[in-house]
């Protein structure tokens, strides 16, 4: 597991809560607008259809309320910065659950119930409360940041599948961008390369000569959505460079061996 940063980034619980609820509404309204034929369209997520993608979003959102209904664990087991690297081992199990859920339930009803329960439970919840998640006991405040990642990444998947332009809440997009940038710095600690994702994040990573002033010798710059697609395997490094979605300069600016961070 990648080492934690010395000073982990902190996220304001109230801000994250607002961002999650806002992105939930965008997603719910979009899924409500879909015709049956659109729900049967393929996605870029293996053999999942849009129906299964919508079911997964409902499950990702609904997990917060479900975990809040369970007994709180006694000890925290997972930090936020460890979460991106902890999801792969449970991916197959999640996929099985999504297929079963999508086959048995209407995606609009699933999202309606999940978002309504979240809106009811979150206002009075304590961000320090521990949740027994699939990947280990986490603080609610941290788990909500992970929900920003799930919502933003899969909003992008939904847009790509059905040709919609579902908006991204700026604070949800910022949280997703920052967490995945920090995960890169955790995977490849160092200070020889600066990765810039304006306007949300700048991190230094990769072992090598450390710069002390002026422009660093190795710089990578991209936009938030392009970064998120790279970090989650939706876009390949060379594809992004060739398409001018990433500007990379310097002998240590090639990040292809470090990506994706999560799938």
Protein backbone atom coordinates (compact mmCIF):
# COMPACT_ATOMS: atom_id res chain seq x y z
CA UNK A 1 0.00 0.00 0.00
CA UNK A 2 1.38 3.41 -0.93
CA UNK A 3 2.78 5.46 1.94
CA UNK A 4 0.68 8.26 3.33
CA UNK A 5 1.74 11.85 2.81
CA UNK A 6 3.35 13.54 5.79
CA UNK A 7 0.59 16.13 5.82
CA UNK A 8 -2.57 14.66 4.38
CA UNK A 9 -4.99 17.06 2.78
CA UNK A 10 -8.05 17.88 4.86
CA UNK A 11 -11.54 18.32 3.44
CA UNK A 12 -14.27 20.37 5.05
CA UNK A 13 -17.10 18.00 5.95
CA UNK A 14 -19.92 20.46 5.30
CA UNK A 15 -18.48 21.39 1.91
CA UNK A 16 -18.08 17.76 0.90
CA UNK A 17 -21.59 16.94 2.08
CA UNK A 18 -23.04 19.75 -0.05
CA UNK A 19 -20.99 18.64 -3.06
CA UNK A 20 -22.13 15.02 -2.80
CA UNK A 21 -25.79 15.97 -2.53
CA UNK A 22 -25.51 18.38 -5.46
CA UNK A 23 -23.87 15.79 -7.73
CA UNK A 24 -26.44 13.22 -6.65
CA UNK A 25 -29.22 15.51 -7.90
CA UNK A 26 -27.50 15.99 -11.24
CA UNK A 27 -27.18 12.24 -11.68
CA UNK A 28 -30.70 11.45 -10.51
CA UNK A 29 -32.24 14.00 -12.88
CA UNK A 30 -30.20 12.64 -15.77
CA UNK A 31 -31.19 9.03 -15.15
CA UNK A 32 -34.84 10.09 -14.88
CA UNK A 33 -34.58 11.53 -18.39
CA UNK A 34 -33.35 8.31 -20.00
CA UNK A 35 -35.57 6.25 -22.27
CA UNK A 36 -35.57 2.43 -21.97
CA UNK A 37 -33.42 2.15 -25.07
CA UNK A 38 -30.80 4.43 -23.56
CA UNK A 39 -30.63 2.29 -20.44
CA UNK A 40 -29.68 -0.64 -22.67
CA UNK A 41 -26.76 1.22 -24.29
CA UNK A 42 -23.22 -0.07 -23.68
CA UNK A 43 -20.73 1.81 -21.51
CA UNK A 44 -16.95 1.91 -21.44
CA UNK A 45 -17.05 -0.23 -18.28
CA UNK A 46 -16.61 -3.69 -19.71
CA UNK A 47 -19.97 -5.26 -20.50
CA UNK A 48 -21.99 -2.99 -18.21
CA UNK A 49 -24.93 -1.23 -19.78
CA UNK A 50 -26.20 2.18 -18.73
CA UNK A 51 -28.73 0.38 -16.55
CA UNK A 52 -25.96 -1.30 -14.58
CA UNK A 53 -24.01 1.94 -14.37
CA UNK A 54 -27.07 3.68 -12.90
CA UNK A 55 -27.51 0.83 -10.43
CA UNK A 56 -23.88 1.15 -9.40
CA UNK A 57 -24.31 4.89 -8.79
CA UNK A 58 -27.34 4.16 -6.63
CA UNK A 59 -25.37 1.56 -4.68
CA UNK A 60 -22.39 3.90 -4.22
CA UNK A 61 -24.65 6.66 -2.92
CA UNK A 62 -26.88 4.37 -0.87
CA UNK A 63 -23.91 2.79 0.89
CA UNK A 64 -23.52 5.89 3.07
CA UNK A 65 -26.96 5.53 4.65
CA UNK A 66 -26.59 1.77 4.86
CA UNK A 67 -23.30 2.02 6.75
CA UNK A 68 -24.73 4.70 9.03
CA UNK A 69 -27.48 2.26 10.00
CA UNK A 70 -24.89 -0.29 11.10
CA UNK A 71 -22.91 -0.31 14.32
CA UNK A 72 -19.86 1.95 14.17
CA UNK A 73 -16.51 0.12 14.15
CA UNK A 74 -14.25 0.67 17.14
CA UNK A 75 -11.06 1.46 15.21
CA UNK A 76 -10.30 3.22 11.93
CA UNK A 77 -8.67 0.86 9.43
CA UNK A 78 -8.32 2.95 6.28
CA UNK A 79 -7.33 6.55 5.60
CA UNK A 80 -8.70 8.55 2.70
CA UNK A 81 -5.38 8.49 0.86
CA UNK A 82 -5.34 4.69 1.05
CA UNK A 83 -8.86 4.33 -0.36
CA UNK A 84 -8.01 4.63 -4.11
CA UNK A 85 -5.62 1.68 -3.78
CA UNK A 86 -8.01 -0.47 -1.73
CA UNK A 87 -10.87 -0.77 -4.21
CA UNK A 88 -9.38 -3.21 -6.74
CA UNK A 89 -9.63 -6.34 -4.54
CA UNK A 90 -13.39 -5.87 -4.10
CA UNK A 91 -14.17 -4.84 -7.70
CA UNK A 92 -15.43 -8.27 -8.81
CA UNK A 93 -17.73 -8.57 -5.81
CA UNK A 94 -19.12 -5.10 -6.41
CA UNK A 95 -19.74 -5.95 -10.06
CA UNK A 96 -21.68 -9.07 -9.09
CA UNK A 97 -23.83 -7.08 -6.68
CA UNK A 98 -24.46 -4.40 -9.30
CA UNK A 99 -25.65 -6.95 -11.86
CA UNK A 100 -28.06 -8.48 -9.37
CA UNK A 101 -29.37 -5.08 -8.33
CA UNK A 102 -29.82 -3.86 -11.90
CA UNK A 103 -31.67 -7.03 -12.88
CA UNK A 104 -34.10 -6.80 -9.97
CA UNK A 105 -34.82 -3.06 -9.67
CA UNK A 106 -35.69 0.04 -11.62
CA UNK A 107 -32.66 2.37 -11.72
CA UNK A 108 -34.75 5.51 -11.28
CA UNK A 109 -36.40 4.10 -8.15
CA UNK A 110 -33.01 2.96 -6.85
CA UNK A 111 -31.51 6.42 -7.22
CA UNK A 112 -34.59 8.14 -5.81
CA UNK A 113 -34.42 6.02 -2.66
CA UNK A 114 -30.67 6.33 -2.27
CA UNK A 115 -30.56 10.10 -2.71
CA UNK A 116 -33.59 10.67 -0.47
CA UNK A 117 -32.05 8.57 2.31
CA UNK A 118 -28.74 10.38 1.98
CA UNK A 119 -30.37 13.80 2.12
CA UNK A 120 -32.22 12.76 5.27
CA UNK A 121 -29.26 11.19 7.10
CA UNK A 122 -26.34 13.47 6.30
CA UNK A 123 -27.40 16.81 7.86
CA UNK A 124 -27.23 15.46 11.41
CA UNK A 125 -24.32 13.08 10.92
CA UNK A 126 -20.90 13.43 12.56
CA UNK A 127 -18.01 13.48 10.11
CA UNK A 128 -15.79 11.67 12.64
CA UNK A 129 -18.18 8.74 12.90
CA UNK A 130 -16.62 5.51 11.62
CA UNK A 131 -18.29 3.44 8.90
CA UNK A 132 -17.72 -0.27 8.24
CA UNK A 133 -17.14 0.04 4.47
CA UNK A 134 -16.27 -2.82 2.11
CA UNK A 135 -12.60 -1.87 2.19
CA UNK A 136 -12.25 -1.15 5.91
CA UNK A 137 -13.44 1.19 8.64
CA UNK A 138 -13.29 4.82 7.49
CA UNK A 139 -14.34 8.20 8.85
CA UNK A 140 -17.62 9.42 7.37
CA UNK A 141 -15.91 12.65 6.28
CA UNK A 142 -13.34 10.63 4.33
CA UNK A 143 -15.91 8.25 2.87
CA UNK A 144 -17.89 11.20 1.52
CA UNK A 145 -14.81 12.40 -0.36
CA UNK A 146 -14.62 8.93 -1.91
CA UNK A 147 -18.27 9.36 -2.93
CA UNK A 148 -17.23 12.53 -4.78
CA UNK A 149 -14.81 10.37 -6.75
CA UNK A 150 -17.46 7.73 -7.50
CA UNK A 151 -20.02 10.33 -8.53
CA UNK A 152 -17.72 12.42 -10.72
CA UNK A 153 -16.02 9.47 -12.42
CA UNK A 154 -19.31 7.74 -13.19
CA UNK A 155 -21.04 10.97 -14.22
CA UNK A 156 -18.33 11.15 -16.87
CA UNK A 157 -19.00 7.51 -17.81
CA UNK A 158 -22.71 8.27 -18.11
CA UNK A 159 -22.07 11.32 -20.28
CA UNK A 160 -19.85 9.27 -22.56
CA UNK A 161 -22.39 6.46 -22.86
CA UNK A 162 -25.53 8.44 -23.64
CA UNK A 163 -24.18 11.71 -25.04
CA UNK A 164 -25.54 13.85 -22.23
CA UNK A 165 -23.88 16.88 -20.66
CA UNK A 166 -24.58 16.21 -17.00
CA UNK A 167 -22.87 19.01 -15.06
CA UNK A 168 -20.17 18.50 -12.44
CA UNK A 169 -20.52 20.26 -9.13
CA UNK A 170 -17.29 22.31 -8.87
CA UNK A 171 -16.58 21.22 -5.31
CA UNK A 172 -17.17 17.54 -6.13
CA UNK A 173 -14.90 17.86 -9.16
CA UNK A 174 -12.26 19.59 -7.02
CA UNK A 175 -12.35 16.87 -4.34
CA UNK A 176 -12.07 14.10 -6.93
CA UNK A 177 -9.18 15.82 -8.71
CA UNK A 178 -7.27 16.49 -5.49
CA UNK A 179 -7.64 13.03 -4.03
CA UNK A 180 -6.40 11.36 -7.21
CA UNK A 181 -3.52 13.84 -7.48
CA UNK A 182 -2.52 13.12 -3.89
CA UNK A 183 -2.76 9.40 -4.63
CA UNK A 184 -0.22 9.85 -7.42
CA UNK A 185 2.14 11.63 -5.02
CA UNK A 186 1.69 8.77 -2.56
CA UNK A 187 2.40 6.13 -5.19
CA UNK A 188 5.53 7.90 -6.46
CA UNK A 189 6.92 10.02 -3.61
CA UNK A 190 9.52 12.58 -4.56
CA UNK A 191 9.90 16.13 -5.78
CA UNK A 192 11.45 15.97 -9.24
CA UNK A 193 8.18 16.28 -11.16
CA UNK A 194 5.40 18.79 -10.69
CA UNK A 195 1.90 17.80 -11.78
CA UNK A 196 -0.44 20.72 -12.32
CA UNK A 197 -4.19 20.30 -12.67
CA UNK A 198 -5.57 23.84 -12.65
CA UNK A 199 -7.51 25.19 -10.95
CA UNK A 200 -7.68 22.45 -8.32
CA UNK A 201 -4.38 20.74 -7.62
CA UNK A 202 -0.59 20.88 -7.82
CA UNK A 203 1.50 18.00 -6.46
CA UNK A 204 5.14 17.00 -6.60
CA UNK A 205 6.12 13.40 -7.14
CA UNK A 206 8.73 10.99 -8.58
CA UNK A 207 12.17 10.45 -7.08
CA UNK A 208 15.04 12.45 -8.53
CA UNK A 209 16.77 15.82 -8.29
CA UNK A 210 14.76 18.27 -6.26
CA UNK A 211 14.23 21.79 -7.60
CA UNK A 212 14.39 24.70 -5.19
CA UNK A 213 13.33 27.73 -7.21
CA UNK A 214 11.82 28.74 -10.51
CA UNK A 215 10.17 26.38 -12.98
CA UNK A 216 10.84 22.72 -12.12
CA UNK A 217 12.68 20.67 -14.77
CA UNK A 218 9.83 18.16 -15.13
CA UNK A 219 6.28 19.45 -15.49
CA UNK A 220 3.00 17.75 -16.34
CA UNK A 221 -0.13 19.82 -16.87
CA UNK A 222 -3.65 18.79 -17.74
CA UNK A 223 -7.27 19.66 -17.01
CA UNK A 224 -9.35 18.04 -14.25
CA UNK A 225 -11.44 15.69 -16.39
CA UNK A 226 -8.46 14.57 -18.47
CA UNK A 227 -6.58 13.86 -15.23
CA UNK A 228 -9.48 11.90 -13.76
CA UNK A 229 -9.73 9.82 -16.95
CA UNK A 230 -6.01 9.10 -16.82
CA UNK A 231 -6.06 8.23 -13.13
CA UNK A 232 -8.96 5.80 -13.57
CA UNK A 233 -7.85 4.20 -16.84
CA UNK A 234 -10.48 5.77 -19.07
CA UNK A 235 -7.73 7.40 -21.15
CA UNK A 236 -4.23 6.07 -21.83
CA UNK A 237 -1.19 8.28 -21.26
CA UNK A 238 0.08 8.31 -24.85
CA UNK A 239 -3.42 8.91 -26.16
CA UNK A 240 -3.73 11.96 -23.92
CA UNK A 241 -0.29 13.29 -24.90
CA UNK A 242 -0.93 12.77 -28.61
CA UNK A 243 -4.29 14.51 -28.29
CA UNK A 244 -2.74 17.50 -26.49
CA UNK A 245 -4.82 16.75 -23.40
CA UNK A 246 -1.59 16.53 -21.43
CA UNK A 247 1.49 18.71 -21.75
CA UNK A 248 4.56 16.92 -20.39
CA UNK A 249 8.11 18.20 -20.40
CA UNK A 250 11.30 16.78 -18.90
CA UNK A 251 12.94 13.37 -18.65
CA UNK A 252 10.84 12.43 -15.62
CA UNK A 253 7.53 13.76 -16.95
CA UNK A 254 6.33 10.44 -18.41
CA UNK A 255 3.78 9.10 -15.91
CA UNK A 256 2.59 6.18 -18.01
CA UNK A 257 4.18 3.58 -15.68
CA UNK A 258 2.26 5.02 -12.70
CA UNK A 259 -1.20 5.11 -14.28
CA UNK A 260 -3.96 4.23 -13.82
CA UNK A 261 -4.15 4.68 -10.09
CA UNK A 262 -7.49 2.91 -9.82
CA UNK A 263 -9.75 1.19 -12.30
